[in-house]
Each structure stands twice: as C-alpha cells, then as structure tokens.
N, C-alpha and C. Protein backbone atom coordinates (compact mmCIF):
# COMPACT_ATOMS: atom_id res chain seq x y z
N MET A 1 -39.92 83.13 -77.54
CA MET A 1 -39.92 83.23 -76.01
C MET A 1 -39.00 82.90 -75.54
N GLN A 2 -37.98 83.28 -74.63
CA GLN A 2 -36.81 82.41 -74.22
C GLN A 2 -37.43 81.82 -72.99
N SER A 3 -36.22 80.25 -72.38
CA SER A 3 -36.53 79.58 -71.13
C SER A 3 -36.18 80.45 -70.40
N THR A 4 -36.97 80.12 -69.03
CA THR A 4 -36.75 81.15 -67.68
C THR A 4 -35.54 80.93 -67.20
N ASP A 5 -34.54 80.06 -67.51
CA ASP A 5 -33.52 79.49 -67.12
C ASP A 5 -32.08 80.65 -67.36
N TRP A 6 -32.01 81.26 -66.93
CA TRP A 6 -30.70 82.18 -67.77
C TRP A 6 -29.50 81.35 -67.14
N PRO A 7 -28.59 81.75 -67.89
CA PRO A 7 -27.32 81.14 -67.58
C PRO A 7 -26.99 82.13 -66.36
N ASP A 8 -25.78 81.33 -65.62
CA ASP A 8 -25.20 82.55 -64.77
C ASP A 8 -24.75 83.59 -65.06
N GLU A 9 -23.81 83.81 -66.30
CA GLU A 9 -23.19 84.96 -66.19
C GLU A 9 -24.26 85.79 -66.54
N HIS A 10 -25.39 85.65 -67.31
CA HIS A 10 -26.33 86.91 -67.52
C HIS A 10 -26.74 86.89 -66.56
N SER A 11 -27.04 86.37 -65.53
CA SER A 11 -27.47 86.43 -64.16
C SER A 11 -26.65 87.61 -63.43
N LYS A 12 -25.47 87.27 -63.27
CA LYS A 12 -24.80 87.91 -62.66
C LYS A 12 -24.71 89.61 -63.31
N MET A 13 -24.23 89.81 -64.63
CA MET A 13 -24.30 90.88 -65.15
C MET A 13 -25.77 91.71 -65.11
N LEU A 14 -27.06 91.34 -64.73
CA LEU A 14 -27.91 91.81 -64.87
C LEU A 14 -27.94 92.26 -63.43
N ARG A 15 -27.56 91.34 -62.40
CA ARG A 15 -27.64 91.95 -61.08
C ARG A 15 -26.42 93.03 -60.83
N GLU A 16 -25.20 93.21 -61.76
CA GLU A 16 -24.24 94.12 -61.63
C GLU A 16 -24.85 95.80 -62.23
N LEU A 17 -25.29 95.26 -63.45
CA LEU A 17 -25.90 96.53 -63.92
C LEU A 17 -27.34 97.43 -63.49
N HIS A 18 -27.21 96.43 -62.69
CA HIS A 18 -29.06 97.07 -62.02
C HIS A 18 -28.63 97.73 -60.91
N ALA A 19 -27.59 97.23 -59.96
CA ALA A 19 -26.96 97.72 -58.78
C ALA A 19 -26.10 99.14 -59.19
N ARG A 20 -25.75 99.27 -60.17
CA ARG A 20 -25.17 100.93 -60.82
C ARG A 20 -26.26 101.72 -61.37
N GLY A 21 -27.86 101.19 -61.34
CA GLY A 21 -29.10 102.79 -61.62
C GLY A 21 -29.55 102.22 -62.79
N GLN A 22 -28.95 101.70 -63.76
CA GLN A 22 -29.60 101.33 -65.37
C GLN A 22 -30.72 100.81 -65.44
N SER A 23 -31.58 100.97 -66.25
CA SER A 23 -32.87 100.97 -66.37
C SER A 23 -32.73 99.65 -67.21
N TYR A 24 -33.89 98.74 -66.97
CA TYR A 24 -33.95 97.31 -67.67
C TYR A 24 -34.18 97.38 -69.23
N ALA A 25 -34.23 98.56 -70.06
CA ALA A 25 -34.06 98.24 -71.41
C ALA A 25 -32.43 98.44 -71.81
N GLU A 26 -31.52 99.61 -70.77
CA GLU A 26 -30.25 99.81 -71.35
C GLU A 26 -29.87 98.14 -71.03
N ILE A 27 -30.20 97.29 -69.80
CA ILE A 27 -29.44 96.47 -69.28
C ILE A 27 -29.56 95.61 -70.10
N ALA A 28 -30.64 94.96 -71.03
CA ALA A 28 -31.31 94.32 -72.05
C ALA A 28 -30.14 94.62 -73.37
N ARG A 29 -30.14 95.89 -73.48
CA ARG A 29 -29.13 96.25 -74.30
C ARG A 29 -28.07 95.75 -74.11
N ALA A 30 -27.12 96.10 -72.87
CA ALA A 30 -26.19 95.42 -73.25
C ALA A 30 -25.51 94.11 -72.93
N LEU A 31 -26.74 93.29 -72.14
CA LEU A 31 -26.92 91.55 -72.11
C LEU A 31 -26.31 91.46 -73.58
N ASN A 32 -27.76 91.81 -74.76
CA ASN A 32 -27.43 91.55 -75.66
C ASN A 32 -26.37 91.95 -76.82
N ALA A 33 -25.64 92.97 -76.57
CA ALA A 33 -24.00 93.12 -76.49
C ALA A 33 -22.87 92.30 -76.75
N GLN A 34 -22.89 91.95 -75.07
CA GLN A 34 -22.18 91.61 -74.66
C GLN A 34 -22.26 89.72 -74.80
N PHE A 35 -23.58 89.34 -75.16
CA PHE A 35 -23.58 87.44 -75.12
C PHE A 35 -24.36 87.29 -76.72
N GLY A 36 -24.94 87.90 -77.09
CA GLY A 36 -25.12 88.23 -78.84
C GLY A 36 -26.56 87.54 -78.35
N THR A 37 -27.08 87.89 -77.65
CA THR A 37 -28.38 86.88 -77.03
C THR A 37 -29.92 88.28 -77.85
N ALA A 38 -31.22 87.60 -77.59
CA ALA A 38 -31.69 88.82 -78.10
C ALA A 38 -32.87 88.73 -77.05
N TYR A 39 -33.05 88.90 -75.67
CA TYR A 39 -33.49 89.60 -74.36
C TYR A 39 -34.08 91.15 -75.04
N THR A 40 -35.23 91.27 -74.66
CA THR A 40 -35.87 92.34 -74.16
C THR A 40 -35.88 92.81 -73.02
N ARG A 41 -36.49 94.31 -72.48
CA ARG A 41 -36.54 95.17 -71.56
C ARG A 41 -37.42 94.36 -70.78
N ASN A 42 -38.62 93.54 -71.04
CA ASN A 42 -39.40 92.72 -70.56
C ASN A 42 -38.90 91.66 -69.97
N ALA A 43 -38.31 90.85 -70.58
CA ALA A 43 -37.45 89.97 -70.49
C ALA A 43 -36.23 89.65 -69.45
N THR A 44 -35.72 90.98 -69.20
CA THR A 44 -34.34 91.44 -68.03
C THR A 44 -35.29 91.88 -66.82
N LEU A 45 -36.60 92.67 -67.12
CA LEU A 45 -37.56 92.91 -65.95
C LEU A 45 -37.94 91.63 -65.40
N GLY A 46 -38.45 91.10 -65.90
CA GLY A 46 -39.05 89.26 -65.20
C GLY A 46 -38.24 88.60 -64.96
N ARG A 47 -37.09 88.94 -65.07
CA ARG A 47 -35.64 88.03 -64.64
C ARG A 47 -34.93 88.49 -63.47
N GLY A 48 -35.42 90.10 -63.70
CA GLY A 48 -34.52 90.90 -62.27
C GLY A 48 -35.71 90.67 -61.58
N LYS A 49 -36.76 90.53 -61.64
CA LYS A 49 -38.11 90.70 -60.69
C LYS A 49 -37.94 88.79 -59.58
N ARG A 50 -37.79 88.07 -60.85
CA ARG A 50 -37.85 86.65 -59.70
C ARG A 50 -36.48 86.41 -59.72
N MET A 51 -35.44 87.55 -59.82
CA MET A 51 -34.33 87.47 -58.66
C MET A 51 -34.14 88.06 -57.43
N GLY A 52 -35.20 89.05 -57.37
CA GLY A 52 -35.80 89.89 -56.13
C GLY A 52 -34.80 91.29 -56.27
N LEU A 53 -35.13 91.50 -57.58
CA LEU A 53 -34.06 92.91 -57.31
C LEU A 53 -35.62 93.63 -57.61
N VAL A 54 -35.45 95.15 -57.17
CA VAL A 54 -36.37 95.92 -57.17
C VAL A 54 -36.29 97.06 -57.94
N VAL A 55 -36.94 98.19 -58.25
CA VAL A 55 -36.71 99.22 -59.10
C VAL A 55 -36.32 100.26 -57.72
N SER A 56 -34.97 100.84 -58.08
CA SER A 56 -34.86 101.81 -57.20
C SER A 56 -35.41 103.20 -57.75
N ALA A 57 -35.29 104.21 -56.93
CA ALA A 57 -35.75 105.24 -56.90
C ALA A 57 -35.34 105.80 -58.16
N ALA A 58 -33.92 105.79 -58.14
CA ALA A 58 -33.19 106.24 -59.06
C ALA A 58 -33.99 106.02 -60.58
N GLN A 59 -34.72 104.43 -60.79
CA GLN A 59 -34.76 103.77 -61.93
C GLN A 59 -35.93 104.51 -62.13
N LYS A 60 -36.60 105.22 -61.23
CA LYS A 60 -38.22 105.53 -61.81
C LYS A 60 -38.30 106.63 -62.63
N PRO A 61 -39.31 106.78 -63.79
CA PRO A 61 -39.28 108.09 -64.33
C PRO A 61 -39.46 108.88 -63.75
N ALA A 62 -39.10 110.28 -63.79
CA ALA A 62 -39.45 111.89 -63.22
C ALA A 62 -40.54 112.21 -63.57
N TRP A 63 -41.12 112.52 -62.69
CA TRP A 63 -42.40 112.96 -62.96
C TRP A 63 -42.04 114.92 -63.14
N ARG A 64 -42.92 115.15 -64.32
CA ARG A 64 -43.03 116.97 -64.10
C ARG A 64 -43.85 117.20 -63.23
N SER A 65 -42.94 118.07 -62.51
CA SER A 65 -43.29 118.84 -61.38
C SER A 65 -44.73 120.46 -62.05
N GLU A 66 -44.21 120.85 -62.66
CA GLU A 66 -44.67 122.09 -63.41
C GLU A 66 -45.34 121.42 -64.82
N PRO A 67 -46.70 122.26 -65.23
CA PRO A 67 -47.51 121.58 -65.97
C PRO A 67 -46.98 122.26 -67.47
N ARG A 68 -47.28 121.64 -68.45
CA ARG A 68 -46.97 121.99 -69.76
C ARG A 68 -47.23 122.73 -70.53
N ALA A 69 -46.41 123.74 -71.27
CA ALA A 69 -47.35 124.68 -71.93
C ALA A 69 -48.00 124.02 -73.22
N MET A 70 -49.48 124.62 -73.11
CA MET A 70 -50.60 124.60 -73.69
C MET A 70 -50.84 125.33 -74.71
N SER A 71 -51.26 124.71 -75.78
CA SER A 71 -51.39 125.39 -77.30
C SER A 71 -52.55 126.62 -76.94
N ALA A 72 -52.45 127.65 -77.72
CA ALA A 72 -53.47 128.82 -77.94
C ALA A 72 -54.82 128.36 -78.18
N ALA A 73 -54.93 127.32 -78.54
CA ALA A 73 -56.31 126.68 -78.93
C ALA A 73 -56.66 126.19 -77.92
N ALA A 74 -56.21 125.32 -76.95
CA ALA A 74 -56.46 124.77 -76.02
C ALA A 74 -56.70 125.54 -74.58
N GLY A 75 -55.69 126.73 -74.46
CA GLY A 75 -56.19 127.55 -73.56
C GLY A 75 -57.12 128.68 -73.98
N ALA A 76 -58.03 128.43 -74.51
CA ALA A 76 -58.82 129.89 -75.31
C ALA A 76 -59.92 129.86 -74.06
N GLY A 77 -60.37 128.60 -73.80
CA GLY A 77 -61.19 128.78 -72.94
C GLY A 77 -61.02 129.32 -71.36
N ARG A 78 -59.99 128.99 -71.22
CA ARG A 78 -59.77 129.02 -69.71
C ARG A 78 -59.99 130.64 -69.33
N ARG A 79 -59.88 130.39 -67.62
CA ARG A 79 -60.42 132.10 -66.80
C ARG A 79 -59.30 131.69 -66.40
N GLY A 80 -58.70 133.17 -65.87
CA GLY A 80 -57.88 133.43 -64.57
C GLY A 80 -56.72 132.95 -64.94
N PRO A 81 -55.08 133.16 -64.62
CA PRO A 81 -54.15 133.20 -64.66
C PRO A 81 -53.82 131.94 -64.03
N ASP A 82 -54.51 131.07 -62.77
CA ASP A 82 -53.74 130.06 -62.48
C ASP A 82 -54.77 128.53 -62.81
N ALA A 83 -55.32 128.70 -64.68
CA ALA A 83 -56.55 128.19 -64.33
C ALA A 83 -55.67 126.48 -65.22
N GLY A 84 -54.33 127.06 -65.44
CA GLY A 84 -53.94 125.79 -66.81
C GLY A 84 -52.80 124.67 -65.17
N ASN A 85 -53.32 125.44 -64.34
CA ASN A 85 -52.16 124.90 -63.22
C ASN A 85 -52.78 123.59 -62.37
N ARG A 86 -54.54 123.76 -62.83
CA ARG A 86 -54.67 122.97 -61.56
C ARG A 86 -55.34 122.08 -62.49
N LEU A 87 -55.58 120.63 -61.94
CA LEU A 87 -55.81 119.28 -62.21
C LEU A 87 -56.91 118.94 -62.24
N VAL A 88 -57.67 118.89 -62.96
CA VAL A 88 -59.75 118.48 -62.88
C VAL A 88 -59.90 117.13 -63.52
N ALA A 89 -60.94 116.52 -62.41
CA ALA A 89 -60.74 114.96 -62.98
C ALA A 89 -61.73 115.22 -64.04
N ALA A 90 -61.93 114.32 -65.23
CA ALA A 90 -62.85 114.01 -66.21
C ALA A 90 -64.06 113.27 -65.79
N PRO A 91 -65.51 114.24 -65.31
CA PRO A 91 -66.45 113.29 -65.46
C PRO A 91 -66.38 111.72 -65.70
N PRO A 92 -66.49 110.99 -65.00
CA PRO A 92 -66.55 109.57 -65.70
C PRO A 92 -67.86 109.46 -67.26
N ALA A 93 -67.62 108.55 -68.25
CA ALA A 93 -68.66 109.01 -69.11
C ALA A 93 -69.64 108.27 -68.68
N ALA A 94 -71.20 108.27 -68.84
CA ALA A 94 -72.16 107.97 -68.77
C ALA A 94 -72.80 106.63 -69.10
N LYS A 95 -72.92 105.12 -68.63
CA LYS A 95 -73.13 104.65 -70.11
C LYS A 95 -75.29 104.49 -69.54
N PRO A 96 -75.20 104.15 -70.76
CA PRO A 96 -76.75 103.95 -70.74
C PRO A 96 -77.29 103.14 -69.81
N ALA A 97 -78.48 103.07 -68.91
CA ALA A 97 -78.85 102.30 -68.09
C ALA A 97 -79.67 100.84 -69.57
N VAL A 98 -78.86 99.64 -68.02
CA VAL A 98 -80.01 98.32 -68.85
C VAL A 98 -81.22 98.27 -68.98
N ARG A 99 -81.84 98.10 -69.76
CA ARG A 99 -83.28 97.88 -69.50
C ARG A 99 -83.51 96.58 -69.70
N LEU A 100 -84.03 95.96 -68.57
CA LEU A 100 -84.12 94.77 -68.14
C LEU A 100 -85.94 94.56 -68.88
N ARG A 101 -85.72 92.87 -69.47
CA ARG A 101 -87.12 92.98 -70.07
C ARG A 101 -87.55 91.59 -69.12
N CYS A 102 -88.46 91.34 -68.54
CA CYS A 102 -89.46 90.66 -68.10
C CYS A 102 -90.91 90.27 -68.05
N VAL A 103 -91.00 89.33 -67.89
CA VAL A 103 -92.60 88.79 -67.94
C VAL A 103 -93.62 88.72 -66.68
N GLY A 104 -94.63 88.94 -66.75
CA GLY A 104 -95.50 88.86 -65.67
C GLY A 104 -96.18 87.66 -65.48
N ILE A 105 -95.48 86.98 -65.22
CA ILE A 105 -95.75 85.40 -64.61
C ILE A 105 -95.22 84.64 -63.21
N SER A 106 -95.63 83.95 -62.96
CA SER A 106 -95.34 83.41 -62.04
C SER A 106 -95.39 81.99 -62.04
N PRO A 107 -93.67 81.63 -62.36
CA PRO A 107 -93.26 80.34 -62.37
C PRO A 107 -93.43 79.01 -61.55
N ARG A 108 -94.27 77.97 -62.17
CA ARG A 108 -93.97 76.65 -61.47
C ARG A 108 -92.74 76.19 -60.45
N LEU A 109 -91.97 76.87 -60.93
CA LEU A 109 -90.21 76.46 -60.52
C LEU A 109 -90.07 74.65 -60.35
N LEU A 110 -90.61 74.31 -61.51
CA LEU A 110 -90.43 72.85 -61.12
C LEU A 110 -89.19 72.62 -61.59
N SER A 111 -88.85 71.02 -61.00
CA SER A 111 -87.13 70.15 -61.35
C SER A 111 -87.28 69.97 -62.71
N LEU A 112 -86.08 69.88 -63.42
CA LEU A 112 -86.17 68.52 -64.23
C LEU A 112 -86.82 67.65 -64.36
N ASP A 113 -86.73 66.85 -63.82
CA ASP A 113 -87.45 65.51 -63.11
C ASP A 113 -88.91 65.72 -63.19
N GLN A 114 -89.62 66.55 -62.12
CA GLN A 114 -90.94 67.04 -62.82
C GLN A 114 -91.32 67.29 -63.99
N LEU A 115 -91.14 68.07 -64.40
CA LEU A 115 -91.23 68.88 -65.97
C LEU A 115 -91.68 67.45 -67.14
N GLU A 116 -93.05 68.02 -67.98
CA GLU A 116 -93.72 67.07 -68.71
C GLU A 116 -93.41 67.67 -69.86
N PRO A 117 -93.63 66.56 -71.26
CA PRO A 117 -92.78 66.84 -72.34
C PRO A 117 -93.91 68.55 -73.29
N GLY A 118 -94.98 69.18 -72.23
CA GLY A 118 -95.34 70.15 -72.81
C GLY A 118 -95.12 71.00 -72.35
N ASP A 119 -94.61 71.10 -71.58
CA ASP A 119 -94.43 72.00 -70.06
C ASP A 119 -92.88 73.12 -70.70
N CYS A 120 -93.30 74.30 -69.91
CA CYS A 120 -92.06 75.22 -70.22
C CYS A 120 -90.96 75.03 -70.05
N HIS A 121 -89.76 75.58 -70.40
CA HIS A 121 -88.37 74.88 -70.20
C HIS A 121 -87.50 75.84 -69.56
N TYR A 122 -87.97 77.47 -69.31
CA TYR A 122 -86.96 78.58 -69.50
C TYR A 122 -86.70 78.53 -67.93
N PRO A 123 -85.34 78.40 -67.41
CA PRO A 123 -84.69 77.96 -66.35
C PRO A 123 -84.72 79.50 -65.77
N TYR A 124 -84.40 78.92 -64.02
CA TYR A 124 -84.20 80.01 -63.02
C TYR A 124 -83.75 79.17 -62.20
N GLY A 125 -83.06 79.62 -61.60
CA GLY A 125 -82.19 80.04 -60.53
C GLY A 125 -80.20 79.58 -61.01
N GLY A 126 -79.59 78.98 -60.23
CA GLY A 126 -78.38 78.35 -60.58
C GLY A 126 -77.40 79.62 -61.14
N ASP A 127 -78.00 80.99 -60.22
CA ASP A 127 -76.53 81.83 -60.23
C ASP A 127 -75.05 81.74 -59.26
N ARG A 128 -75.70 81.23 -58.51
CA ARG A 128 -74.23 81.08 -57.12
C ARG A 128 -74.51 79.58 -57.19
N ASP A 129 -73.17 78.88 -56.64
CA ASP A 129 -72.78 77.19 -56.56
C ASP A 129 -73.59 76.89 -56.08
N GLY A 130 -74.15 75.93 -56.04
CA GLY A 130 -75.12 75.31 -55.10
C GLY A 130 -76.93 75.57 -54.95
N ASP A 131 -76.82 76.59 -56.07
CA ASP A 131 -78.50 77.22 -56.51
C ASP A 131 -78.94 76.51 -57.10
N PRO A 132 -79.95 75.73 -56.88
CA PRO A 132 -80.62 74.77 -57.38
C PRO A 132 -81.17 75.22 -58.91
N ILE A 133 -81.37 74.59 -60.06
CA ILE A 133 -81.83 74.95 -61.29
C ILE A 133 -82.84 74.66 -61.32
N THR A 134 -84.42 75.84 -61.08
CA THR A 134 -85.91 75.18 -61.39
C THR A 134 -86.21 76.10 -62.72
N PHE A 135 -87.64 75.32 -63.44
CA PHE A 135 -87.77 75.40 -64.55
C PHE A 135 -89.42 76.26 -64.33
N CYS A 136 -89.78 77.01 -65.29
CA CYS A 136 -91.30 77.77 -65.66
C CYS A 136 -92.78 76.85 -65.60
N GLY A 137 -92.45 75.53 -66.13
CA GLY A 137 -93.32 74.97 -66.09
C GLY A 137 -94.68 75.11 -66.71
N HIS A 138 -94.96 75.93 -66.94
CA HIS A 138 -96.47 76.42 -67.59
C HIS A 138 -96.54 75.77 -68.88
N PRO A 139 -97.53 75.75 -69.80
CA PRO A 139 -97.79 74.88 -70.74
C PRO A 139 -96.55 75.34 -72.08
N SER A 140 -96.39 75.19 -72.69
CA SER A 140 -95.46 75.47 -73.98
C SER A 140 -96.26 76.00 -74.81
N GLN A 141 -96.21 76.61 -76.04
CA GLN A 141 -96.74 77.57 -77.20
C GLN A 141 -96.54 76.50 -78.29
N PRO A 142 -97.06 75.91 -79.15
CA PRO A 142 -96.65 74.63 -80.09
C PRO A 142 -95.78 75.25 -80.81
N GLY A 143 -94.53 74.29 -80.73
CA GLY A 143 -93.46 74.46 -81.68
C GLY A 143 -92.37 74.97 -81.10
N SER A 144 -92.42 75.37 -79.29
CA SER A 144 -91.70 75.99 -78.84
C SER A 144 -91.68 74.62 -77.34
N CYS A 145 -90.68 75.13 -76.80
CA CYS A 145 -90.25 75.09 -75.46
C CYS A 145 -90.52 75.69 -74.51
N TYR A 146 -91.21 76.92 -74.73
CA TYR A 146 -91.31 78.01 -74.03
C TYR A 146 -92.88 78.30 -73.55
N CYS A 147 -93.61 78.73 -73.09
CA CYS A 147 -94.57 79.49 -72.89
C CYS A 147 -94.50 80.56 -73.67
N ALA A 148 -95.63 81.49 -74.14
CA ALA A 148 -95.59 82.65 -74.84
C ALA A 148 -94.84 83.88 -73.93
N PRO A 149 -94.70 83.78 -73.33
CA PRO A 149 -94.46 84.86 -72.42
C PRO A 149 -92.95 85.01 -72.52
N HIS A 150 -92.81 83.86 -72.46
CA HIS A 150 -90.85 83.52 -72.19
C HIS A 150 -90.56 83.09 -73.64
N PHE A 151 -91.40 82.58 -74.41
CA PHE A 151 -90.64 82.41 -75.69
C PHE A 151 -90.62 84.16 -75.97
N GLU A 152 -91.74 85.15 -75.91
CA GLU A 152 -91.41 86.48 -76.43
C GLU A 152 -89.90 87.41 -75.52
N LEU A 153 -89.91 86.70 -74.32
CA LEU A 153 -88.23 87.17 -73.60
C LEU A 153 -87.25 86.35 -74.46
N THR A 154 -87.45 85.33 -75.01
CA THR A 154 -85.78 85.11 -75.45
C THR A 154 -85.54 85.53 -76.70
N ARG A 155 -86.72 86.68 -77.60
CA ARG A 155 -86.34 86.82 -79.09
C ARG A 155 -86.14 88.43 -78.97
N ASP A 156 -85.40 88.44 -79.71
CA ASP A 156 -84.83 90.38 -79.86
C ASP A 156 -86.03 90.96 -80.25
N PRO A 157 -86.88 91.98 -79.74
CA PRO A 157 -87.92 93.00 -80.23
C PRO A 157 -87.25 93.71 -81.38
N GLU A 158 -85.96 93.49 -81.80
CA GLU A 158 -85.61 94.66 -82.91
C GLU A 158 -85.42 93.55 -84.21
N ALA A 159 -85.43 92.43 -84.40
CA ALA A 159 -85.08 91.44 -85.18
C ALA A 159 -86.85 91.28 -85.53
N LEU A 160 -86.47 90.99 -87.14
CA LEU A 160 -87.52 90.76 -87.78
C LEU A 160 -87.61 88.98 -87.76
N VAL A 161 -88.49 88.37 -87.88
CA VAL A 161 -88.14 86.97 -88.33
C VAL A 161 -88.93 86.55 -89.47
N ASP A 162 -88.54 85.99 -90.22
CA ASP A 162 -89.04 85.94 -91.26
C ASP A 162 -89.67 84.55 -91.35
N ARG A 163 -89.62 83.50 -91.10
CA ARG A 163 -90.19 82.64 -90.99
C ARG A 163 -91.05 82.61 -89.65
N PRO A 164 -92.29 81.81 -89.23
CA PRO A 164 -91.95 81.62 -88.15
C PRO A 164 -92.14 80.06 -87.05
N ALA A 165 -91.85 80.45 -86.09
CA ALA A 165 -90.89 79.38 -85.37
C ALA A 165 -91.25 77.86 -84.99
N GLY A 166 -91.37 77.10 -85.70
CA GLY A 166 -91.51 75.30 -85.69
C GLY A 166 -90.40 74.67 -85.50
N ARG A 167 -90.90 73.34 -85.99
CA ARG A 167 -89.74 72.55 -85.58
C ARG A 167 -89.26 72.48 -87.48
N PRO A 168 -88.27 72.11 -87.59
CA PRO A 168 -87.39 72.17 -88.77
C PRO A 168 -87.65 70.68 -89.53
N THR A 169 -87.99 70.48 -90.61
CA THR A 169 -88.26 69.37 -91.40
C THR A 169 -86.96 68.31 -91.66
N LEU A 170 -86.64 67.60 -91.52
CA LEU A 170 -85.79 66.56 -91.57
C LEU A 170 -86.02 66.08 -92.78
N ARG A 171 -84.57 65.47 -93.62
CA ARG A 171 -84.74 64.86 -94.44
C ARG A 171 -83.54 64.01 -94.72
N LEU A 172 -83.85 62.93 -94.77
CA LEU A 172 -82.42 61.64 -94.64
C LEU A 172 -82.03 62.10 -96.35
N VAL A 173 -80.51 62.32 -96.19
CA VAL A 173 -79.61 62.65 -97.61
C VAL A 173 -79.24 60.95 -97.85
N ARG A 174 -78.51 60.22 -97.11
CA ARG A 174 -77.88 59.24 -97.30
C ARG A 174 -77.56 58.16 -96.20
N ALA A 175 -78.46 57.07 -96.86
CA ALA A 175 -78.71 55.81 -95.39
C ALA A 175 -76.81 55.11 -95.14
N MET A 176 -76.02 54.75 -94.64
CA MET A 176 -75.12 54.12 -94.37
C MET A 176 -75.07 52.49 -93.88
C-alpha cells in the first residue's frame, strides 16, 4: 500500500489525463510507465476523489440498450416474440422463519445485588442503551446457575449430551 502523499508531478499528470477523459486504469498505466511506479486503478481512483475529480459521463461505462442474444436452451421456454425484451425481477429467496424458543415462566426480575446463591441467573433486558439488566431469580436446579426451564432453553435441543450437567472436579496438579 502506498502513501496518500503523491508527488506533485504525479498529481498534475493524473489531473491532465483525467481532463482528457481517460479511465483510471489507463491513467494508472500511464503514471506507471512515466514514473516507474506501481499505482493501481483503485489508487488512482482514490487519489482522484481526494483531489475532487469526478467521473465524467464519457468515463462511465456504456450500458447496453438492446438485449443480448440468448442461447436456444435459455429461450426454449419463452412465449411470444417480445418475451426476451422484458426484464423480470426474480422473486427474493424465501428465508426460513426463525423459530424462537421460549419458556412459560414469569421472571422475578431481580437486580444482580438482589440475587441469592441458589437463584436463576438468566438475564432479561439490556437490549438498548440504558435498559437495566435483571435476572430470573427463581430457584436454580442443582449443578446449574439456571432454573429448569431456562436450563433447557440454553441448550441445543438437537445436540446429545454425553454427560450430565454438573460442576467439574478440579485437581491440583502442581503447587508453586
């Protein structure tokens, strides 16, 4: 990546070639040939924008006004002589509906300092700035920080659990 501080000669030549209607790719090739640099099309385009140069109508790509010829296989299912001249928007791909999982429990909505050691720590709120975060607060199941409904909600229903949930056994390997 090159510095954004171009030498004055390079900027002057870019401005002149742009005024002649050359494309940014052509300008990059001319600058590289003249000064032995390695400017890319995007580098010259970025420099041109920083210099306030705009893309003129002559530099914009010419869009086709007539439709392209179609192969026999592509046009086999067409009806009518003008069927190939119409543009038809493709329908958007249907996204599968997101199926939300929820539990039928009314949370106590306790703040963090109100939670007791055996209470459910499932969070509620905090979605927007300034929105307080509260917690479920119902009794948690043994070996978990969630109540039974929230424990099931946080687990993937398709995943098979090989071992029961519980606290891991920690072992001291080496004392320092």
